[in-house]
Each structure stands twice: as structure tokens, then as C-alpha cells.
């Protein structure tokens, strides 16, 4: 029983460290268009977009492909 608890605690620690290191910080870069956000690093499944004149990451499924 103690080994299961130890394993779960270590697993939680590894997951917490991994998510802290893999989540990039998005700087509040001023933009007029998404082309102004080339240096924004987003997580997998997200894409950089200009929202309210600031670069931000949004999920790809929220991006409209109409054009």
C-alpha cells in the first residue's frame, strides 16, 4: 500500500514538473494581425493569434478557416 502511495506522489510530481516546463509564457506583444506574432510559442494544438491587439495562443479548433 505504501509503495502505491509513493508511486502516485512521484508520478504527480513528475507530471507537475513536466507541465511547468512545457507551458510557455505568452508575452503581451502588441499586434495588428496574426502575422505580427511570429515569436509566440504555443502549446501543441494551439496557434498564435492577435486578439484585442495582443498576441495570444488559441486552440486550433477555434480558428475559422473561412476566406
PDB file of N, CA and C in Angstrom:
ATOM      1  N   UNK A   1       0.823  -1.188   0.000  1.00  0.00           N
ATOM      2  CA  UNK A   1       0.000   0.000   0.000  1.00  0.00           C
ATOM      3  C   UNK A   1       0.869   1.256   0.000  1.00  0.00           C
ATOM      4  N   UNK A   2       1.919   1.257   0.811  1.00  0.00           N
ATOM      5  CA  UNK A   2       2.808   2.411   0.870  1.00  0.00           C
ATOM      6  C   UNK A   2       3.516   2.633  -0.461  1.00  0.00           C
ATOM      7  N   UNK A   3       3.831   1.543  -1.164  1.00  0.00           N
ATOM      8  CA  UNK A   3       4.510   1.696  -2.453  1.00  0.00           C
ATOM      9  C   UNK A   3       3.575   2.321  -3.492  1.00  0.00           C
ATOM     10  N   UNK A   4       2.284   2.022  -3.426  1.00  0.00           N
ATOM     11  CA  UNK A   4       1.333   2.636  -4.353  1.00  0.00           C
ATOM     12  C   UNK A   4       1.218   4.135  -4.092  1.00  0.00           C
ATOM     13  N   UNK A   5       1.174   4.508  -2.834  1.00  0.00           N
ATOM     14  CA  UNK A   5       1.083   5.922  -2.483  1.00  0.00           C
ATOM     15  C   UNK A   5       2.347   6.661  -2.916  1.00  0.00           C
ATOM     16  N   UNK A   6       3.491   6.041  -2.677  1.00  0.00           N
ATOM     17  CA  UNK A   6       4.761   6.643  -3.081  1.00  0.00           C
ATOM     18  C   UNK A   6       4.809   6.815  -4.593  1.00  0.00           C
ATOM     19  N   UNK A   7       4.388   5.792  -5.330  1.00  0.00           N
ATOM     20  CA  UNK A   7       4.362   5.865  -6.780  1.00  0.00           C
ATOM     21  C   UNK A   7       3.448   6.995  -7.257  1.00  0.00           C
ATOM     22  N   UNK A   8       2.270   7.119  -6.680  1.00  0.00           N
ATOM     23  CA  UNK A   8       1.345   8.166  -7.082  1.00  0.00           C
ATOM     24  C   UNK A   8       1.904   9.563  -6.791  1.00  0.00           C
ATOM     25  N   UNK A   9       2.554   9.710  -5.628  1.00  0.00           N
ATOM     26  CA  UNK A   9       3.145  11.000  -5.296  1.00  0.00           C
ATOM     27  C   UNK A   9       4.285  11.365  -6.247  1.00  0.00           C
ATOM     28  N   UNK A  10       5.139  10.402  -6.565  1.00  0.00           N
ATOM     29  CA  UNK A  10       6.219  10.655  -7.503  1.00  0.00           C
ATOM     30  C   UNK A  10       5.690  10.945  -8.905  1.00  0.00           C
ATOM     31  N   UNK A  11       4.674  10.214  -9.310  1.00  0.00           N
ATOM     32  CA  UNK A  11       4.059  10.433 -10.614  1.00  0.00           C
ATOM     33  C   UNK A  11       3.455  11.839 -10.693  1.00  0.00           C
ATOM     34  N   UNK A  12       2.776  12.264  -9.638  1.00  0.00           N
ATOM     35  CA  UNK A  12       2.190  13.599  -9.603  1.00  0.00           C
ATOM     36  C   UNK A  12       3.279  14.670  -9.665  1.00  0.00           C
ATOM     37  N   UNK A  13       4.385  14.431  -8.999  1.00  0.00           N
ATOM     38  CA  UNK A  13       5.499  15.374  -9.030  1.00  0.00           C
ATOM     39  C   UNK A  13       6.087  15.479 -10.430  1.00  0.00           C
ATOM     40  N   UNK A  14       6.267  14.360 -11.093  1.00  0.00           N
ATOM     41  CA  UNK A  14       6.802  14.361 -12.462  1.00  0.00           C
ATOM     42  C   UNK A  14       5.851  15.095 -13.407  1.00  0.00           C
ATOM     43  N   UNK A  15       4.567  14.827 -13.290  1.00  0.00           N
ATOM     44  CA  UNK A  15       3.584  15.490 -14.150  1.00  0.00           C
ATOM     45  C   UNK A  15       3.581  16.999 -13.886  1.00  0.00           C
ATOM     46  N   UNK A  16       3.642  17.386 -12.640  1.00  0.00           N
ATOM     47  CA  UNK A  16       3.645  18.809 -12.299  1.00  0.00           C
ATOM     48  C   UNK A  16       4.889  19.500 -12.861  1.00  0.00           C
ATOM     49  N   UNK A  17       6.025  18.876 -12.745  1.00  0.00           N
ATOM     50  CA  UNK A  17       7.258  19.464 -13.282  1.00  0.00           C
ATOM     51  C   UNK A  17       7.217  19.527 -14.805  1.00  0.00           C
ATOM     52  N   UNK A  18       6.707  18.496 -15.429  1.00  0.00           N
ATOM     53  CA  UNK A  18       6.641  18.461 -16.892  1.00  0.00           C
ATOM     54  C   UNK A  18       5.712  19.543 -17.430  1.00  0.00           C
ATOM     55  N   UNK A  19       4.593  19.758 -16.793  1.00  0.00           N
ATOM     56  CA  UNK A  19       3.664  20.776 -17.283  1.00  0.00           C
ATOM     57  C   UNK A  19       4.212  22.181 -17.041  1.00  0.00           C
ATOM     58  N   UNK A  20       4.934  22.379 -15.957  1.00  0.00           N
ATOM     59  CA  UNK A  20       5.514  23.696 -15.699  1.00  0.00           C
ATOM     60  C   UNK A  20       6.579  24.026 -16.741  1.00  0.00           C
ATOM     61  N   UNK A  21       7.330  23.052 -17.181  1.00  0.00           N
ATOM     62  CA  UNK A  21       8.401  23.294 -18.131  1.00  0.00           C
ATOM     63  C   UNK A  21       7.886  23.386 -19.561  1.00  0.00           C
ATOM     64  N   UNK A  22       6.770  22.743 -19.876  1.00  0.00           N
ATOM     65  CA  UNK A  22       6.301  22.720 -21.251  1.00  0.00           C
ATOM     66  C   UNK A  22       5.320  23.835 -21.570  1.00  0.00           C
ATOM     67  N   UNK A  23       4.831  24.544 -20.573  1.00  0.00           N
ATOM     68  CA  UNK A  23       3.876  25.612 -20.813  1.00  0.00           C
ATOM     69  C   UNK A  23       4.642  26.918 -20.982  1.00  0.00           C
ATOM     70  N   UNK A  24       4.725  27.416 -22.214  1.00  0.00           N
ATOM     71  CA  UNK A  24       5.455  28.654 -22.426  1.00  0.00           C
ATOM     72  C   UNK A  24       4.640  29.852 -21.979  1.00  0.00           C
ATOM     73  N   UNK A  25       5.324  30.898 -21.657  1.00  0.00           N
ATOM     74  CA  UNK A  25       4.638  32.128 -21.293  1.00  0.00           C
ATOM     75  C   UNK A  25       4.451  32.964 -22.541  1.00  0.00           C
ATOM     76  N   UNK A  26       3.283  33.511 -22.704  1.00  0.00           N
ATOM     77  CA  UNK A  26       2.989  34.344 -23.860  1.00  0.00           C
ATOM     78  C   UNK A  26       3.167  35.789 -23.437  1.00  0.00           C
ATOM     79  N   UNK A  27       4.084  36.457 -24.100  1.00  0.00           N
ATOM     80  CA  UNK A  27       4.309  37.858 -23.781  1.00  0.00           C
ATOM     81  C   UNK A  27       3.166  38.700 -24.353  1.00  0.00           C
ATOM     82  N   UNK A  28       2.882  39.779 -23.705  1.00  0.00           N
ATOM     83  CA  UNK A  28       1.828  40.680 -24.164  1.00  0.00           C
ATOM     84  C   UNK A  28       2.391  41.559 -25.274  1.00  0.00           C
ATOM     85  N   UNK A  29       2.590  40.962 -26.447  1.00  0.00           N
ATOM     86  CA  UNK A  29       3.134  41.665 -27.586  1.00  0.00           C
ATOM     87  C   UNK A  29       2.025  42.391 -28.322  1.00  0.00           C
ATOM     88  N   UNK A  30       2.242  43.661 -28.621  1.00  0.00           N
ATOM     89  CA  UNK A  30       1.245  44.432 -29.359  1.00  0.00           C
ATOM     90  C   UNK A  30       1.231  43.965 -30.810  1.00  0.00           C
ATOM     91  N   UNK A  31       0.050  43.823 -31.374  1.00  0.00           N
ATOM     92  CA  UNK A  31      -0.074  43.351 -32.748  1.00  0.00           C
ATOM     93  C   UNK A  31      -1.291  43.981 -33.409  1.00  0.00           C
ATOM     94  N   UNK A  32      -1.261  43.964 -34.723  1.00  0.00           N
ATOM     95  CA  UNK A  32      -2.400  44.381 -35.520  1.00  0.00           C
ATOM     96  C   UNK A  32      -2.986  43.196 -36.274  1.00  0.00           C
ATOM     97  N   UNK A  33      -2.154  42.180 -36.531  1.00  0.00           N
ATOM     98  CA  UNK A  33      -2.543  40.997 -37.287  1.00  0.00           C
ATOM     99  C   UNK A  33      -1.787  39.803 -36.725  1.00  0.00           C
ATOM    100  N   UNK A  34      -2.254  38.600 -37.024  1.00  0.00           N
ATOM    101  CA  UNK A  34      -1.590  37.390 -36.536  1.00  0.00           C
ATOM    102  C   UNK A  34      -0.173  37.263 -37.092  1.00  0.00           C
ATOM    103  N   UNK A  35       0.107  37.913 -38.202  1.00  0.00           N
ATOM    104  CA  UNK A  35       1.451  37.883 -38.776  1.00  0.00           C
ATOM    105  C   UNK A  35       2.449  38.633 -37.896  1.00  0.00           C
ATOM    106  N   UNK A  36       1.948  39.459 -36.985  1.00  0.00           N
ATOM    107  CA  UNK A  36       2.810  40.191 -36.067  1.00  0.00           C
ATOM    108  C   UNK A  36       3.231  39.347 -34.865  1.00  0.00           C
ATOM    109  N   UNK A  37       2.813  38.090 -34.821  1.00  0.00           N
ATOM    110  CA  UNK A  37       3.080  37.222 -33.664  1.00  0.00           C
ATOM    111  C   UNK A  37       3.944  36.012 -34.037  1.00  0.00           C
ATOM    112  N   UNK A  38       5.070  36.201 -34.738  1.00  0.00           N
ATOM    113  CA  UNK A  38       5.846  35.030 -35.150  1.00  0.00           C
ATOM    114  C   UNK A  38       6.652  34.406 -34.017  1.00  0.00           C
ATOM    115  N   UNK A  39       6.951  35.171 -32.962  1.00  0.00           N
ATOM    116  CA  UNK A  39       7.812  34.675 -31.890  1.00  0.00           C
ATOM    117  C   UNK A  39       7.036  34.061 -30.732  1.00  0.00           C
ATOM    118  N   UNK A  40       5.715  34.005 -30.836  1.00  0.00           N
ATOM    119  CA  UNK A  40       4.905  33.441 -29.757  1.00  0.00           C
ATOM    120  C   UNK A  40       4.969  31.928 -29.854  1.00  0.00           C
ATOM    121  N   UNK A  41       5.369  31.285 -28.771  1.00  0.00           N
ATOM    122  CA  UNK A  41       5.442  29.823 -28.733  1.00  0.00           C
ATOM    123  C   UNK A  41       4.198  29.295 -28.046  1.00  0.00           C
ATOM    124  N   UNK A  42       3.432  28.504 -28.769  1.00  0.00           N
ATOM    125  CA  UNK A  42       2.200  27.953 -28.222  1.00  0.00           C
ATOM    126  C   UNK A  42       2.356  26.462 -27.968  1.00  0.00           C
ATOM    127  N   UNK A  43       1.477  25.934 -27.130  1.00  0.00           N
ATOM    128  CA  UNK A  43       1.463  24.503 -26.863  1.00  0.00           C
ATOM    129  C   UNK A  43       0.980  23.759 -28.100  1.00  0.00           C
ATOM    130  N   UNK A  44       1.198  22.456 -28.123  1.00  0.00           N
ATOM    131  CA  UNK A  44       0.720  21.627 -29.221  1.00  0.00           C
ATOM    132  C   UNK A  44      -0.798  21.717 -29.275  1.00  0.00           C
ATOM    133  N   UNK A  45      -1.340  21.925 -30.453  1.00  0.00           N
ATOM    134  CA  UNK A  45      -2.777  22.038 -30.621  1.00  0.00           C
ATOM    135  C   UNK A  45      -3.279  23.468 -30.522  1.00  0.00           C
ATOM    136  N   UNK A  46      -2.359  24.413 -30.321  1.00  0.00           N
ATOM    137  CA  UNK A  46      -2.733  25.817 -30.257  1.00  0.00           C
ATOM    138  C   UNK A  46      -2.004  26.580 -31.358  1.00  0.00           C
ATOM    139  N   UNK A  47      -2.527  27.736 -31.697  1.00  0.00           N
ATOM    140  CA  UNK A  47      -1.938  28.569 -32.731  1.00  0.00           C
ATOM    141  C   UNK A  47      -1.953  30.018 -32.250  1.00  0.00           C
ATOM    142  N   UNK A  48      -0.953  30.773 -32.667  1.00  0.00           N
ATOM    143  CA  UNK A  48      -0.875  32.161 -32.226  1.00  0.00           C
ATOM    144  C   UNK A  48      -1.844  33.019 -33.030  1.00  0.00           C
ATOM    145  N   UNK A  49      -2.489  33.922 -32.341  1.00  0.00           N
ATOM    146  CA  UNK A  49      -3.454  34.829 -32.957  1.00  0.00           C
ATOM    147  C   UNK A  49      -3.363  36.187 -32.279  1.00  0.00           C
ATOM    148  N   UNK A  50      -3.739  37.205 -33.022  1.00  0.00           N
ATOM    149  CA  UNK A  50      -3.805  38.558 -32.486  1.00  0.00           C
ATOM    150  C   UNK A  50      -5.221  38.788 -31.977  1.00  0.00           C
ATOM    151  N   UNK A  51      -5.361  38.934 -30.681  1.00  0.00           N
ATOM    152  CA  UNK A  51      -6.665  39.167 -30.063  1.00  0.00           C
ATOM    153  C   UNK A  51      -6.595  40.438 -29.240  1.00  0.00           C
ATOM    154  N   UNK A  52      -7.441  41.378 -29.538  1.00  0.00           N
ATOM    155  CA  UNK A  52      -7.508  42.655 -28.825  1.00  0.00           C
ATOM    156  C   UNK A  52      -6.136  43.323 -28.762  1.00  0.00           C
ATOM    157  N   UNK A  53      -5.440  43.294 -29.910  1.00  0.00           N
ATOM    158  CA  UNK A  53      -4.125  43.916 -30.090  1.00  0.00           C
ATOM    159  C   UNK A  53      -3.021  43.301 -29.243  1.00  0.00           C
ATOM    160  N   UNK A  54      -3.188  42.051 -28.818  1.00  0.00           N
ATOM    161  CA  UNK A  54      -2.144  41.335 -28.091  1.00  0.00           C
ATOM    162  C   UNK A  54      -2.036  39.920 -28.626  1.00  0.00           C
ATOM    163  N   UNK A  55      -0.802  39.448 -28.791  1.00  0.00           N
ATOM    164  CA  UNK A  55      -0.581  38.083 -29.254  1.00  0.00           C
ATOM    165  C   UNK A  55      -0.981  37.099 -28.161  1.00  0.00           C
ATOM    166  N   UNK A  56      -1.703  36.078 -28.553  1.00  0.00           N
ATOM    167  CA  UNK A  56      -2.140  35.064 -27.603  1.00  0.00           C
ATOM    168  C   UNK A  56      -2.268  33.725 -28.318  1.00  0.00           C
ATOM    169  N   UNK A  57      -2.315  32.655 -27.561  1.00  0.00           N
ATOM    170  CA  UNK A  57      -2.486  31.317 -28.124  1.00  0.00           C
ATOM    171  C   UNK A  57      -3.938  30.889 -27.975  1.00  0.00           C
ATOM    172  N   UNK A  58      -4.483  30.330 -29.046  1.00  0.00           N
ATOM    173  CA  UNK A  58      -5.858  29.830 -29.010  1.00  0.00           C
ATOM    174  C   UNK A  58      -5.865  28.415 -29.561  1.00  0.00           C
ATOM    175  N   UNK A  59      -6.792  27.579 -29.118  1.00  0.00           N
ATOM    176  CA  UNK A  59      -6.894  26.225 -29.675  1.00  0.00           C
ATOM    177  C   UNK A  59      -7.177  26.294 -31.177  1.00  0.00           C
ATOM    178  N   UNK A  60      -6.583  25.371 -31.938  1.00  0.00           N
ATOM    179  CA  UNK A  60      -6.723  25.391 -33.391  1.00  0.00           C
ATOM    180  C   UNK A  60      -8.170  25.214 -33.835  1.00  0.00           C
ATOM    181  N   UNK A  61      -8.976  24.478 -33.077  1.00  0.00           N
ATOM    182  CA  UNK A  61     -10.354  24.261 -33.497  1.00  0.00           C
ATOM    183  C   UNK A  61     -11.200  25.526 -33.401  1.00  0.00           C
ATOM    184  N   UNK A  62     -10.692  26.563 -32.711  1.00  0.00           N
ATOM    185  CA  UNK A  62     -11.425  27.825 -32.594  1.00  0.00           C
ATOM    186  C   UNK A  62     -11.101  28.777 -33.745  1.00  0.00           C
ATOM    187  N   UNK A  63     -10.134  28.399 -34.587  1.00  0.00           N
ATOM    188  CA  UNK A  63      -9.711  29.266 -35.683  1.00  0.00           C
ATOM    189  C   UNK A  63     -10.609  29.026 -36.880  1.00  0.00           C
ATOM    190  N   UNK A  64     -11.209  30.098 -37.388  1.00  0.00           N
ATOM    191  CA  UNK A  64     -12.081  29.953 -38.558  1.00  0.00           C
ATOM    192  C   UNK A  64     -11.221  29.884 -39.801  1.00  0.00           C
ATOM    193  N   UNK A  65     -11.588  28.998 -40.720  1.00  0.00           N
ATOM    194  CA  UNK A  65     -10.842  28.817 -41.957  1.00  0.00           C
ATOM    195  C   UNK A  65     -11.582  29.430 -43.134  1.00  0.00           C
ATOM    196  N   UNK A  66     -12.528  30.314 -42.849  1.00  0.00           N
ATOM    197  CA  UNK A  66     -13.280  30.961 -43.928  1.00  0.00           C
ATOM    198  C   UNK A  66     -12.381  31.994 -44.606  1.00  0.00           C
ATOM    199  N   UNK A  67     -12.481  32.098 -45.869  1.00  0.00           N
ATOM    200  CA  UNK A  67     -11.647  33.078 -46.512  1.00  0.00           C
ATOM    201  C   UNK A  67     -12.016  33.224 -47.880  1.00  0.00           C
TER     202      UNK A  67
END
